[in-house]
Amino acid sequence: MEVVRAADVRGTRECLHLYLRELFARDPDVGERWHRAQVSLYAEFHPEELLNFLERATGYDLVDALAVCERRGLLREKVYLLSRVGDAPWALDVIVGGLRDAKYAARFARDHLRRSEGDFDDPRELDAYADELWEGVISRVVKVAGTSSSPALVGDLMDALGAVDG
């Protein structure tokens, strides 16, 4: 690990990233103490690989990673992290308002509800939460479709809702 410190001190962030990336590919647990730094390194040098890293790594802080994704405009990664911290409404805002993807919003809501089933003791609470979440999806899509050049979002949502039930 002395090599890692030396590379970082010399300002060779890309070299550091490449080393840690290779280490992570071989064994994600070996360099766990470097995961926090790797979030910003992936965002800088290989943003297309960041989501995979976030899904597999365990040694990073969710709030710090969320801040990195916010600064870099990495929306899908931001949605993943928002889901992990339990902020489905903000995740839906990013999906619909940022990504303009109604189908993704419907898949996200479906998957989020499936993961949340065990969080409710009373099935009526889950039903109320599901209603609130789906109303949130629909209202966000209608709002964005009405205020942007994306009127097809509503049709995409209708298609997605049919796929979610089917």
Foldseek 3Di string as FASTA:
>chain_A
DVVLVVCVVVVVLLVNLVVVVVVCVVPVPPVLCCLQVNLLSCLPPPVVCNQVSVVPHDNHDLVSSLVSCVVSVVLVSNLVSCLVVPNLLVSLCSVCVPVVQLLVLLVSLLVSLVVCVVVDPDVVVSVVVSVVSVVSSVVSQVVDLVPDVNVCSVVNNVVNVVVSVD
